[in-house]
Amino acid sequence: IPNFVSKEMFYKKTDKEIKNIRKKLGIKENKFVVLGAGQIQNRKGVIDFVEVAKKLPKIDFIWAGGFSFGGITDGHQNPPKNVRFLGIVPRNEMNDLFNASDLLFVPSYNELFPMTILEAISTDTPILLRDLELYEDILFKKYLKGSNNDEFSEIIKLLSKDKKEYQKQVENAKEISKFYSKEHVYKMWKEFYTEIAKKKKKEKKKRKKSE
């Protein structure tokens, strides 16, 4: 039974609110924005994030997260103009970032199901992930995936231009979010404990009969 994300903390904001958030962040109103999040380390695919951004100079890329060991490694010192590293962002401010972004891009090479994904889909933000076996059973094929930087850049380019395809991915994010909602997770726990209670009751009856 999975974790869930609080809809009180992560939720879709109004168009007017998003416009104000973008203004505060210095993002143009009609700009397509790709968000990355997590510690800045090679395992997270941060270098690939930058390389994909280089292929798409008209799209803004933002990374929220700090350096694991306090140092800056190759690939991060001189990012292109369309990439910004925001540093560590407090969790209570991440909802604004998800709302200000059009896509969450997670090029990590290995993961344990990051909560970032659940938080993003709670704001109806589509997700693009590296093609890892982990995601197949937990995201129900309702997400975008790529195996290399060329595939990532083509997918992002398509989403930025094709409104119909983009809306399809928004709906996919909503579908995943329903499964991981507080209400659905509560239902799963209730069914789990109800089943245990039934089994215990049957075992108790069997014991009484054998006595």
N, C-alpha and C. Protein backbone atom coordinates (compact mmCIF):
# COMPACT_ATOMS: atom_id res chain seq x y z
N ILE A 1 0.86 -1.19 0.00
CA ILE A 1 0.00 0.00 0.00
C ILE A 1 0.90 1.24 0.00
N PRO A 2 0.70 2.12 -0.96
CA PRO A 2 1.63 3.23 -1.16
C PRO A 2 1.41 4.42 -0.23
N ASN A 3 2.35 5.34 -0.29
CA ASN A 3 2.18 6.63 0.38
C ASN A 3 1.20 7.48 -0.42
N PHE A 4 0.78 8.56 0.16
CA PHE A 4 -0.06 9.50 -0.59
C PHE A 4 0.46 10.92 -0.33
N VAL A 5 0.02 11.83 -1.18
CA VAL A 5 0.42 13.24 -1.05
C VAL A 5 -0.78 14.05 -0.61
N SER A 6 -0.55 14.92 0.34
CA SER A 6 -1.62 15.77 0.86
C SER A 6 -2.07 16.78 -0.20
N LYS A 7 -3.35 16.75 -0.52
CA LYS A 7 -3.91 17.72 -1.47
C LYS A 7 -4.01 19.11 -0.85
N GLU A 8 -3.84 19.18 0.46
CA GLU A 8 -3.82 20.49 1.11
C GLU A 8 -2.48 21.19 0.84
N MET A 9 -1.44 20.38 0.61
CA MET A 9 -0.11 20.95 0.37
C MET A 9 0.25 21.03 -1.11
N PHE A 10 -0.18 20.00 -1.88
CA PHE A 10 0.14 19.96 -3.31
C PHE A 10 -1.16 19.87 -4.11
N TYR A 11 -1.44 20.93 -4.85
CA TYR A 11 -2.71 21.01 -5.59
C TYR A 11 -2.56 21.99 -6.75
N LYS A 12 -3.49 21.90 -7.69
CA LYS A 12 -3.49 22.78 -8.85
C LYS A 12 -4.00 24.16 -8.47
N LYS A 13 -3.22 25.18 -8.82
CA LYS A 13 -3.62 26.55 -8.52
C LYS A 13 -4.36 27.16 -9.71
N THR A 14 -4.97 28.31 -9.49
CA THR A 14 -5.73 28.97 -10.56
C THR A 14 -4.77 29.59 -11.58
N ASP A 15 -5.29 29.86 -12.77
CA ASP A 15 -4.47 30.48 -13.81
C ASP A 15 -3.87 31.81 -13.34
N LYS A 16 -4.68 32.56 -12.60
CA LYS A 16 -4.22 33.86 -12.11
C LYS A 16 -3.08 33.68 -11.11
N GLU A 17 -3.21 32.69 -10.23
CA GLU A 17 -2.16 32.42 -9.24
C GLU A 17 -0.88 31.97 -9.93
N ILE A 18 -1.02 31.12 -10.94
CA ILE A 18 0.15 30.62 -11.68
C ILE A 18 0.85 31.77 -12.40
N LYS A 19 0.06 32.66 -12.96
CA LYS A 19 0.63 33.83 -13.64
C LYS A 19 1.47 34.66 -12.67
N ASN A 20 0.97 34.84 -11.45
CA ASN A 20 1.70 35.61 -10.44
C ASN A 20 2.97 34.90 -9.98
N ILE A 21 2.88 33.56 -9.86
CA ILE A 21 4.05 32.76 -9.45
C ILE A 21 5.14 32.89 -10.51
N ARG A 22 4.75 32.78 -11.77
CA ARG A 22 5.72 32.87 -12.86
C ARG A 22 6.38 34.26 -12.88
N LYS A 23 5.58 35.27 -12.63
CA LYS A 23 6.12 36.63 -12.61
C LYS A 23 7.16 36.77 -11.50
N LYS A 24 6.84 36.19 -10.35
CA LYS A 24 7.75 36.24 -9.20
C LYS A 24 9.06 35.50 -9.49
N LEU A 25 8.96 34.39 -10.25
CA LEU A 25 10.13 33.59 -10.59
C LEU A 25 10.88 34.11 -11.81
N GLY A 26 10.31 35.12 -12.45
CA GLY A 26 10.95 35.67 -13.64
C GLY A 26 10.76 34.82 -14.87
N ILE A 27 9.62 34.11 -14.93
CA ILE A 27 9.31 33.24 -16.07
C ILE A 27 8.25 33.92 -16.93
N LYS A 28 8.48 33.99 -18.22
CA LYS A 28 7.51 34.60 -19.13
C LYS A 28 6.23 33.77 -19.15
N GLU A 29 5.11 34.46 -19.31
CA GLU A 29 3.78 33.84 -19.19
C GLU A 29 3.59 32.65 -20.13
N ASN A 30 4.04 32.76 -21.38
CA ASN A 30 3.79 31.71 -22.37
C ASN A 30 4.98 30.77 -22.58
N LYS A 31 5.96 30.86 -21.72
CA LYS A 31 7.15 30.03 -21.87
C LYS A 31 6.88 28.61 -21.39
N PHE A 32 7.39 27.61 -22.12
CA PHE A 32 7.27 26.22 -21.69
C PHE A 32 8.41 25.94 -20.71
N VAL A 33 8.04 25.42 -19.53
CA VAL A 33 9.02 25.25 -18.45
C VAL A 33 9.12 23.79 -18.03
N VAL A 34 10.35 23.30 -17.96
CA VAL A 34 10.64 21.92 -17.54
C VAL A 34 11.32 21.98 -16.18
N LEU A 35 10.79 21.22 -15.23
CA LEU A 35 11.31 21.22 -13.87
C LEU A 35 12.04 19.92 -13.55
N GLY A 36 13.20 20.03 -12.93
CA GLY A 36 13.91 18.89 -12.38
C GLY A 36 14.04 19.12 -10.89
N ALA A 37 14.10 18.05 -10.11
CA ALA A 37 14.19 18.23 -8.65
C ALA A 37 14.99 17.10 -8.03
N GLY A 38 15.71 17.44 -6.98
CA GLY A 38 16.50 16.44 -6.27
C GLY A 38 17.91 16.94 -6.03
N GLN A 39 18.68 16.17 -5.30
CA GLN A 39 20.07 16.53 -5.06
C GLN A 39 20.84 16.57 -6.36
N ILE A 40 21.75 17.52 -6.48
CA ILE A 40 22.53 17.64 -7.71
C ILE A 40 23.69 16.65 -7.66
N GLN A 41 23.45 15.52 -8.31
CA GLN A 41 24.46 14.47 -8.38
C GLN A 41 24.25 13.69 -9.66
N ASN A 42 25.29 13.07 -10.15
CA ASN A 42 25.22 12.39 -11.45
C ASN A 42 24.15 11.31 -11.49
N ARG A 43 23.94 10.61 -10.36
CA ARG A 43 22.93 9.55 -10.31
C ARG A 43 21.54 10.07 -10.66
N LYS A 44 21.30 11.33 -10.35
CA LYS A 44 20.00 11.95 -10.62
C LYS A 44 19.84 12.37 -12.08
N GLY A 45 20.91 12.20 -12.86
CA GLY A 45 20.81 12.54 -14.28
C GLY A 45 20.87 14.04 -14.54
N VAL A 46 21.50 14.78 -13.63
CA VAL A 46 21.52 16.24 -13.77
C VAL A 46 22.31 16.69 -15.00
N ILE A 47 23.36 15.95 -15.35
CA ILE A 47 24.13 16.30 -16.55
C ILE A 47 23.27 16.10 -17.79
N ASP A 48 22.49 15.03 -17.82
CA ASP A 48 21.57 14.79 -18.94
C ASP A 48 20.52 15.90 -19.01
N PHE A 49 20.07 16.35 -17.85
CA PHE A 49 19.11 17.45 -17.77
C PHE A 49 19.66 18.68 -18.50
N VAL A 50 20.91 18.99 -18.22
CA VAL A 50 21.56 20.15 -18.86
C VAL A 50 21.77 19.90 -20.35
N GLU A 51 22.17 18.69 -20.72
CA GLU A 51 22.41 18.38 -22.13
C GLU A 51 21.13 18.47 -22.96
N VAL A 52 20.02 18.02 -22.37
CA VAL A 52 18.73 18.12 -23.06
C VAL A 52 18.35 19.59 -23.23
N ALA A 53 18.60 20.38 -22.20
CA ALA A 53 18.31 21.82 -22.27
C ALA A 53 19.10 22.49 -23.40
N LYS A 54 20.32 22.05 -23.62
CA LYS A 54 21.14 22.61 -24.70
C LYS A 54 20.50 22.38 -26.07
N LYS A 55 19.80 21.25 -26.20
CA LYS A 55 19.15 20.92 -27.46
C LYS A 55 17.87 21.73 -27.67
N LEU A 56 17.35 22.33 -26.60
CA LEU A 56 16.07 23.05 -26.65
C LEU A 56 16.22 24.45 -26.08
N PRO A 57 16.95 25.32 -26.75
CA PRO A 57 17.25 26.65 -26.22
C PRO A 57 16.04 27.56 -26.01
N LYS A 58 14.92 27.25 -26.65
CA LYS A 58 13.72 28.09 -26.50
C LYS A 58 12.85 27.69 -25.32
N ILE A 59 13.26 26.62 -24.64
CA ILE A 59 12.50 26.12 -23.48
C ILE A 59 13.30 26.37 -22.21
N ASP A 60 12.61 26.77 -21.14
CA ASP A 60 13.27 27.02 -19.86
C ASP A 60 13.37 25.75 -19.02
N PHE A 61 14.53 25.53 -18.42
CA PHE A 61 14.75 24.38 -17.55
C PHE A 61 15.14 24.89 -16.16
N ILE A 62 14.46 24.38 -15.13
CA ILE A 62 14.72 24.80 -13.76
C ILE A 62 14.99 23.57 -12.91
N TRP A 63 16.03 23.64 -12.07
CA TRP A 63 16.33 22.52 -11.17
C TRP A 63 16.26 23.00 -9.72
N ALA A 64 15.46 22.31 -8.93
CA ALA A 64 15.34 22.62 -7.51
C ALA A 64 16.06 21.55 -6.71
N GLY A 65 17.07 21.95 -5.96
CA GLY A 65 17.83 20.99 -5.17
C GLY A 65 19.27 21.44 -5.02
N GLY A 66 19.90 21.01 -3.94
CA GLY A 66 21.27 21.43 -3.67
C GLY A 66 22.27 20.33 -3.96
N PHE A 67 23.52 20.63 -3.72
CA PHE A 67 24.60 19.68 -3.93
C PHE A 67 24.74 18.75 -2.73
N SER A 68 24.89 17.46 -3.00
CA SER A 68 24.95 16.45 -1.95
C SER A 68 26.13 16.66 -1.01
N PHE A 69 27.27 17.00 -1.58
CA PHE A 69 28.48 17.06 -0.76
C PHE A 69 29.10 18.46 -0.74
N GLY A 70 28.31 19.46 -1.09
CA GLY A 70 28.76 20.83 -0.99
C GLY A 70 29.64 21.30 -2.13
N GLY A 71 30.00 20.41 -3.05
CA GLY A 71 30.87 20.81 -4.15
C GLY A 71 30.14 20.84 -5.47
N ILE A 72 30.77 21.44 -6.47
CA ILE A 72 30.19 21.49 -7.80
C ILE A 72 31.01 20.60 -8.72
N THR A 73 30.36 19.66 -9.37
CA THR A 73 31.07 18.73 -10.25
C THR A 73 30.93 19.16 -11.70
N ASP A 74 31.68 18.53 -12.58
CA ASP A 74 31.65 18.89 -14.00
C ASP A 74 30.24 18.83 -14.56
N GLY A 75 29.93 19.82 -15.40
CA GLY A 75 28.62 19.82 -16.05
C GLY A 75 27.66 20.80 -15.42
N HIS A 76 27.99 21.31 -14.23
CA HIS A 76 27.06 22.20 -13.54
C HIS A 76 27.54 23.65 -13.48
N GLN A 77 28.86 23.86 -13.68
CA GLN A 77 29.40 25.18 -13.47
C GLN A 77 28.89 26.21 -14.47
N ASN A 78 28.82 25.82 -15.72
CA ASN A 78 28.45 26.78 -16.77
C ASN A 78 27.25 26.30 -17.58
N PRO A 79 26.08 26.26 -16.95
CA PRO A 79 24.90 25.80 -17.69
C PRO A 79 24.49 26.82 -18.74
N PRO A 80 23.76 26.39 -19.77
CA PRO A 80 23.28 27.34 -20.79
C PRO A 80 22.30 28.35 -20.19
N LYS A 81 22.03 29.40 -20.94
CA LYS A 81 21.19 30.49 -20.43
C LYS A 81 19.78 30.06 -20.07
N ASN A 82 19.30 28.97 -20.69
CA ASN A 82 17.93 28.52 -20.43
C ASN A 82 17.83 27.54 -19.25
N VAL A 83 18.93 27.40 -18.49
CA VAL A 83 18.92 26.52 -17.31
C VAL A 83 19.21 27.33 -16.06
N ARG A 84 18.38 27.10 -15.02
CA ARG A 84 18.61 27.76 -13.73
C ARG A 84 18.63 26.73 -12.61
N PHE A 85 19.63 26.80 -11.76
CA PHE A 85 19.69 25.97 -10.56
C PHE A 85 19.27 26.84 -9.39
N LEU A 86 18.15 26.49 -8.77
CA LEU A 86 17.58 27.32 -7.71
C LEU A 86 18.16 27.02 -6.33
N GLY A 87 18.90 25.92 -6.21
CA GLY A 87 19.38 25.51 -4.90
C GLY A 87 18.27 24.80 -4.14
N ILE A 88 18.46 24.64 -2.84
CA ILE A 88 17.47 23.94 -2.02
C ILE A 88 16.22 24.81 -1.87
N VAL A 89 15.08 24.23 -2.23
CA VAL A 89 13.79 24.92 -2.14
C VAL A 89 12.98 24.29 -1.00
N PRO A 90 12.53 25.07 -0.03
CA PRO A 90 11.72 24.52 1.06
C PRO A 90 10.50 23.78 0.50
N ARG A 91 10.15 22.67 1.16
CA ARG A 91 9.04 21.84 0.65
C ARG A 91 7.74 22.61 0.52
N ASN A 92 7.52 23.56 1.43
CA ASN A 92 6.26 24.32 1.37
C ASN A 92 6.22 25.31 0.20
N GLU A 93 7.34 25.44 -0.53
CA GLU A 93 7.37 26.30 -1.71
C GLU A 93 7.35 25.50 -3.01
N MET A 94 7.46 24.18 -2.89
CA MET A 94 7.52 23.35 -4.09
C MET A 94 6.21 23.33 -4.86
N ASN A 95 5.09 23.49 -4.17
CA ASN A 95 3.81 23.51 -4.88
C ASN A 95 3.77 24.62 -5.92
N ASP A 96 4.32 25.78 -5.56
CA ASP A 96 4.38 26.88 -6.51
C ASP A 96 5.23 26.52 -7.73
N LEU A 97 6.35 25.84 -7.49
CA LEU A 97 7.24 25.46 -8.59
C LEU A 97 6.57 24.46 -9.54
N PHE A 98 5.88 23.48 -8.96
CA PHE A 98 5.16 22.51 -9.81
C PHE A 98 4.11 23.23 -10.67
N ASN A 99 3.38 24.16 -10.04
CA ASN A 99 2.34 24.89 -10.77
C ASN A 99 2.91 25.80 -11.85
N ALA A 100 4.09 26.34 -11.60
CA ALA A 100 4.71 27.24 -12.57
C ALA A 100 5.34 26.49 -13.73
N SER A 101 5.49 25.16 -13.58
CA SER A 101 6.15 24.34 -14.60
C SER A 101 5.13 23.59 -15.45
N ASP A 102 5.55 23.25 -16.65
CA ASP A 102 4.67 22.49 -17.56
C ASP A 102 4.96 21.00 -17.53
N LEU A 103 6.14 20.63 -17.03
CA LEU A 103 6.54 19.23 -17.07
C LEU A 103 7.57 18.96 -15.98
N LEU A 104 7.43 17.81 -15.31
CA LEU A 104 8.48 17.34 -14.41
C LEU A 104 9.32 16.32 -15.19
N PHE A 105 10.62 16.58 -15.24
CA PHE A 105 11.55 15.73 -15.98
C PHE A 105 12.49 15.07 -14.98
N VAL A 106 12.43 13.72 -14.88
CA VAL A 106 13.25 12.98 -13.93
C VAL A 106 14.14 12.00 -14.69
N PRO A 107 15.36 12.43 -15.06
CA PRO A 107 16.25 11.55 -15.82
C PRO A 107 17.15 10.67 -14.95
N SER A 108 16.74 10.42 -13.71
CA SER A 108 17.53 9.60 -12.78
C SER A 108 17.83 8.22 -13.35
N TYR A 109 19.00 7.71 -12.99
CA TYR A 109 19.40 6.38 -13.45
C TYR A 109 18.89 5.28 -12.53
N ASN A 110 18.58 5.61 -11.29
CA ASN A 110 17.94 4.64 -10.39
C ASN A 110 17.17 5.41 -9.33
N GLU A 111 16.03 4.87 -8.95
CA GLU A 111 15.14 5.55 -8.01
C GLU A 111 14.41 4.55 -7.13
N LEU A 112 13.85 5.05 -6.05
CA LEU A 112 13.00 4.23 -5.18
C LEU A 112 11.60 4.83 -5.11
N PHE A 113 11.13 5.31 -6.26
CA PHE A 113 9.84 5.98 -6.36
C PHE A 113 9.85 7.31 -5.59
N PRO A 114 10.47 8.33 -6.17
CA PRO A 114 10.56 9.63 -5.48
C PRO A 114 9.20 10.27 -5.26
N MET A 115 9.02 10.87 -4.08
CA MET A 115 7.77 11.55 -3.77
C MET A 115 7.54 12.74 -4.70
N THR A 116 8.62 13.23 -5.31
CA THR A 116 8.50 14.35 -6.26
C THR A 116 7.48 14.04 -7.35
N ILE A 117 7.46 12.78 -7.79
CA ILE A 117 6.52 12.39 -8.84
C ILE A 117 5.09 12.52 -8.36
N LEU A 118 4.80 12.02 -7.16
CA LEU A 118 3.44 12.12 -6.62
C LEU A 118 3.05 13.57 -6.39
N GLU A 119 4.00 14.37 -5.95
CA GLU A 119 3.71 15.79 -5.71
C GLU A 119 3.37 16.50 -7.02
N ALA A 120 4.13 16.19 -8.07
CA ALA A 120 3.89 16.83 -9.37
C ALA A 120 2.53 16.47 -9.95
N ILE A 121 2.19 15.18 -9.92
CA ILE A 121 0.90 14.78 -10.51
C ILE A 121 -0.28 15.32 -9.70
N SER A 122 -0.05 15.63 -8.43
CA SER A 122 -1.12 16.23 -7.62
C SER A 122 -1.45 17.64 -8.10
N THR A 123 -0.53 18.24 -8.87
CA THR A 123 -0.77 19.57 -9.43
C THR A 123 -1.13 19.47 -10.92
N ASP A 124 -1.46 18.25 -11.37
CA ASP A 124 -1.81 17.98 -12.77
C ASP A 124 -0.64 18.21 -13.72
N THR A 125 0.57 18.09 -13.22
CA THR A 125 1.76 18.30 -14.04
C THR A 125 2.21 16.97 -14.64
N PRO A 126 2.31 16.88 -15.98
CA PRO A 126 2.78 15.64 -16.61
C PRO A 126 4.21 15.31 -16.20
N ILE A 127 4.60 14.04 -16.37
CA ILE A 127 5.93 13.60 -15.96
C ILE A 127 6.63 12.87 -17.11
N LEU A 128 7.92 13.16 -17.25
CA LEU A 128 8.79 12.48 -18.21
C LEU A 128 9.91 11.82 -17.41
N LEU A 129 10.04 10.50 -17.54
CA LEU A 129 10.98 9.74 -16.73
C LEU A 129 11.92 8.91 -17.61
N ARG A 130 13.05 8.56 -17.03
CA ARG A 130 13.91 7.60 -17.72
C ARG A 130 13.19 6.25 -17.73
N ASP A 131 13.42 5.49 -18.78
CA ASP A 131 12.74 4.19 -18.93
C ASP A 131 13.33 3.17 -17.96
N LEU A 132 12.79 3.18 -16.73
CA LEU A 132 13.23 2.23 -15.70
C LEU A 132 12.10 1.25 -15.41
N GLU A 133 12.46 0.00 -15.16
CA GLU A 133 11.47 -1.05 -14.88
C GLU A 133 10.61 -0.70 -13.66
N LEU A 134 11.21 -0.01 -12.71
CA LEU A 134 10.53 0.38 -11.47
C LEU A 134 9.17 1.04 -11.72
N TYR A 135 9.12 1.91 -12.73
CA TYR A 135 7.92 2.73 -12.94
C TYR A 135 6.76 1.99 -13.59
N GLU A 136 7.05 0.88 -14.25
CA GLU A 136 6.04 0.20 -15.06
C GLU A 136 4.81 -0.22 -14.27
N ASP A 137 5.03 -0.78 -13.08
CA ASP A 137 3.92 -1.30 -12.28
C ASP A 137 3.28 -0.25 -11.37
N ILE A 138 3.99 0.84 -11.11
CA ILE A 138 3.46 1.81 -10.14
C ILE A 138 2.87 3.06 -10.78
N LEU A 139 3.11 3.23 -12.09
CA LEU A 139 2.55 4.41 -12.77
C LEU A 139 1.63 4.02 -13.93
N PHE A 140 1.41 2.71 -14.11
CA PHE A 140 0.35 2.19 -15.00
C PHE A 140 0.45 2.69 -16.44
N LYS A 141 1.67 2.91 -16.91
CA LYS A 141 1.91 3.35 -18.29
C LYS A 141 1.23 4.68 -18.62
N LYS A 142 0.99 5.47 -17.59
CA LYS A 142 0.35 6.78 -17.78
C LYS A 142 1.38 7.91 -17.74
N TYR A 143 2.60 7.61 -18.12
CA TYR A 143 3.66 8.60 -18.05
C TYR A 143 4.50 8.55 -19.32
N LEU A 144 5.29 9.58 -19.55
CA LEU A 144 6.18 9.62 -20.70
C LEU A 144 7.55 9.10 -20.29
N LYS A 145 8.21 8.40 -21.21
CA LYS A 145 9.52 7.85 -20.87
C LYS A 145 10.47 7.92 -22.06
N GLY A 146 11.75 7.99 -21.73
CA GLY A 146 12.78 8.01 -22.76
C GLY A 146 14.01 7.28 -22.26
N SER A 147 14.88 6.87 -23.18
CA SER A 147 16.07 6.12 -22.80
C SER A 147 17.36 6.92 -22.98
N ASN A 148 17.28 8.02 -23.71
CA ASN A 148 18.48 8.83 -23.94
C ASN A 148 18.09 10.28 -24.18
N ASN A 149 19.08 11.13 -24.28
CA ASN A 149 18.82 12.57 -24.38
C ASN A 149 18.10 12.97 -25.66
N ASP A 150 18.36 12.26 -26.74
CA ASP A 150 17.65 12.56 -27.99
C ASP A 150 16.15 12.30 -27.84
N GLU A 151 15.83 11.16 -27.20
CA GLU A 151 14.41 10.83 -26.98
C GLU A 151 13.77 11.83 -26.03
N PHE A 152 14.48 12.19 -24.97
CA PHE A 152 13.94 13.17 -24.02
C PHE A 152 13.63 14.50 -24.73
N SER A 153 14.58 14.97 -25.52
CA SER A 153 14.40 16.27 -26.17
C SER A 153 13.26 16.25 -27.18
N GLU A 154 13.10 15.14 -27.89
CA GLU A 154 12.00 15.04 -28.87
C GLU A 154 10.64 15.05 -28.17
N ILE A 155 10.55 14.36 -27.04
CA ILE A 155 9.29 14.32 -26.28
C ILE A 155 8.96 15.70 -25.74
N ILE A 156 9.94 16.39 -25.18
CA ILE A 156 9.70 17.73 -24.64
C ILE A 156 9.31 18.70 -25.75
N LYS A 157 9.98 18.59 -26.88
CA LYS A 157 9.67 19.46 -28.02
C LYS A 157 8.22 19.25 -28.48
N LEU A 158 7.80 17.97 -28.55
CA LEU A 158 6.44 17.64 -28.95
C LEU A 158 5.42 18.24 -27.98
N LEU A 159 5.65 18.07 -26.68
CA LEU A 159 4.72 18.59 -25.69
C LEU A 159 4.61 20.11 -25.73
N SER A 160 5.72 20.76 -26.04
CA SER A 160 5.72 22.22 -26.07
C SER A 160 4.96 22.78 -27.27
N LYS A 161 4.78 21.94 -28.29
CA LYS A 161 4.13 22.41 -29.53
C LYS A 161 2.73 21.85 -29.74
N ASP A 162 2.49 20.63 -29.25
CA ASP A 162 1.22 19.94 -29.50
C ASP A 162 0.31 20.03 -28.28
N LYS A 163 -0.65 20.95 -28.31
CA LYS A 163 -1.53 21.16 -27.16
C LYS A 163 -2.40 19.94 -26.86
N LYS A 164 -2.82 19.24 -27.91
CA LYS A 164 -3.66 18.05 -27.73
C LYS A 164 -2.88 16.95 -26.99
N GLU A 165 -1.65 16.73 -27.42
CA GLU A 165 -0.81 15.71 -26.77
C GLU A 165 -0.50 16.13 -25.33
N TYR A 166 -0.27 17.41 -25.14
CA TYR A 166 0.03 17.89 -23.79
C TYR A 166 -1.17 17.66 -22.86
N GLN A 167 -2.37 17.96 -23.34
CA GLN A 167 -3.56 17.77 -22.51
C GLN A 167 -3.79 16.31 -22.19
N LYS A 168 -3.44 15.44 -23.12
CA LYS A 168 -3.54 13.99 -22.89
C LYS A 168 -2.64 13.60 -21.70
N GLN A 169 -1.46 14.18 -21.64
CA GLN A 169 -0.54 13.85 -20.54
C GLN A 169 -1.00 14.47 -19.22
N VAL A 170 -1.69 15.59 -19.29
CA VAL A 170 -2.28 16.18 -18.08
C VAL A 170 -3.33 15.23 -17.51
N GLU A 171 -4.15 14.67 -18.40
CA GLU A 171 -5.19 13.72 -17.97
C GLU A 171 -4.55 12.46 -17.39
N ASN A 172 -3.44 12.02 -17.98
CA ASN A 172 -2.73 10.85 -17.44
C ASN A 172 -2.23 11.13 -16.02
N ALA A 173 -1.71 12.34 -15.82
CA ALA A 173 -1.24 12.72 -14.48
C ALA A 173 -2.39 12.68 -13.48
N LYS A 174 -3.54 13.14 -13.90
CA LYS A 174 -4.72 13.13 -13.03
C LYS A 174 -5.13 11.71 -12.67
N GLU A 175 -5.03 10.79 -13.64
CA GLU A 175 -5.39 9.40 -13.40
C GLU A 175 -4.48 8.76 -12.35
N ILE A 176 -3.18 9.00 -12.49
CA ILE A 176 -2.24 8.45 -11.51
C ILE A 176 -2.52 9.05 -10.14
N SER A 177 -2.79 10.35 -10.13
CA SER A 177 -3.03 11.06 -8.87
C SER A 177 -4.24 10.50 -8.12
N LYS A 178 -5.25 10.08 -8.86
CA LYS A 178 -6.44 9.50 -8.22
C LYS A 178 -6.08 8.23 -7.46
N PHE A 179 -5.23 7.41 -8.06
CA PHE A 179 -4.83 6.15 -7.42
C PHE A 179 -4.07 6.42 -6.12
N TYR A 180 -3.22 7.45 -6.15
CA TYR A 180 -2.39 7.77 -4.98
C TYR A 180 -2.99 8.85 -4.09
N SER A 181 -4.29 9.07 -4.24
CA SER A 181 -4.97 10.06 -3.40
C SER A 181 -5.16 9.51 -1.99
N LYS A 182 -5.35 10.41 -1.05
CA LYS A 182 -5.58 10.02 0.35
C LYS A 182 -6.80 9.12 0.47
N GLU A 183 -7.85 9.45 -0.28
CA GLU A 183 -9.10 8.69 -0.21
C GLU A 183 -8.91 7.25 -0.68
N HIS A 184 -8.17 7.10 -1.80
CA HIS A 184 -7.99 5.75 -2.34
C HIS A 184 -7.06 4.93 -1.46
N VAL A 185 -6.00 5.55 -0.95
CA VAL A 185 -5.08 4.84 -0.07
C VAL A 185 -5.79 4.43 1.23
N TYR A 186 -6.66 5.31 1.73
CA TYR A 186 -7.46 4.97 2.92
C TYR A 186 -8.34 3.75 2.64
N LYS A 187 -8.94 3.73 1.46
CA LYS A 187 -9.79 2.60 1.07
C LYS A 187 -8.98 1.30 1.02
N MET A 188 -7.76 1.39 0.50
CA MET A 188 -6.89 0.21 0.42
C MET A 188 -6.55 -0.31 1.81
N TRP A 189 -6.23 0.60 2.73
CA TRP A 189 -5.93 0.18 4.11
C TRP A 189 -7.16 -0.44 4.78
N LYS A 190 -8.33 0.17 4.55
CA LYS A 190 -9.56 -0.33 5.15
C LYS A 190 -9.86 -1.75 4.68
N GLU A 191 -9.70 -1.98 3.36
CA GLU A 191 -9.92 -3.31 2.80
C GLU A 191 -8.91 -4.31 3.36
N PHE A 192 -7.67 -3.87 3.52
CA PHE A 192 -6.61 -4.72 4.04
C PHE A 192 -6.93 -5.17 5.46
N TYR A 193 -7.29 -4.23 6.34
CA TYR A 193 -7.58 -4.57 7.74
C TYR A 193 -8.89 -5.35 7.88
N THR A 194 -9.86 -5.05 7.01
CA THR A 194 -11.12 -5.80 7.03
C THR A 194 -10.86 -7.26 6.70
N GLU A 195 -10.00 -7.50 5.70
CA GLU A 195 -9.66 -8.86 5.31
C GLU A 195 -8.94 -9.59 6.44
N ILE A 196 -8.04 -8.90 7.12
CA ILE A 196 -7.33 -9.51 8.25
C ILE A 196 -8.31 -9.86 9.37
N ALA A 197 -9.25 -8.96 9.64
CA ALA A 197 -10.23 -9.19 10.70
C ALA A 197 -11.09 -10.41 10.38
N LYS A 198 -11.47 -10.57 9.10
CA LYS A 198 -12.26 -11.72 8.68
C LYS A 198 -11.49 -13.02 8.89
N LYS A 199 -10.22 -13.01 8.53
CA LYS A 199 -9.39 -14.21 8.68
C LYS A 199 -9.22 -14.58 10.15
N LYS A 200 -9.01 -13.55 10.99
CA LYS A 200 -8.86 -13.79 12.43
C LYS A 200 -10.13 -14.37 13.03
N LYS A 201 -11.26 -13.88 12.54
CA LYS A 201 -12.56 -14.37 13.03
C LYS A 201 -12.76 -15.83 12.66
N LYS A 202 -12.38 -16.19 11.43
CA LYS A 202 -12.49 -17.58 10.98
C LYS A 202 -11.58 -18.49 11.79
N GLU A 203 -10.36 -18.01 12.05
CA GLU A 203 -9.41 -18.80 12.84
C GLU A 203 -9.92 -19.03 14.26
N LYS A 204 -10.55 -18.02 14.82
CA LYS A 204 -11.10 -18.11 16.17
C LYS A 204 -12.22 -19.15 16.23
N LYS A 205 -13.07 -19.16 15.19
CA LYS A 205 -14.16 -20.13 15.12
C LYS A 205 -13.62 -21.55 15.01
N LYS A 206 -12.58 -21.72 14.22
CA LYS A 206 -11.97 -23.05 14.04
C LYS A 206 -11.40 -23.55 15.36
N ARG A 207 -10.76 -22.66 16.11
CA ARG A 207 -10.17 -23.04 17.40
C ARG A 207 -11.25 -23.49 18.37
N LYS A 208 -12.36 -22.76 18.38
CA LYS A 208 -13.47 -23.10 19.31
C LYS A 208 -14.05 -24.46 18.98
N LYS A 209 -14.17 -24.77 17.67
CA LYS A 209 -14.72 -26.06 17.26
C LYS A 209 -13.81 -27.22 17.66
N SER A 210 -12.51 -26.96 17.58
CA SER A 210 -11.55 -28.03 17.89
C SER A 210 -11.36 -28.23 19.39
N GLU A 211 -11.83 -27.32 20.20
CA GLU A 211 -11.67 -27.43 21.66
C GLU A 211 -12.68 -28.41 22.27
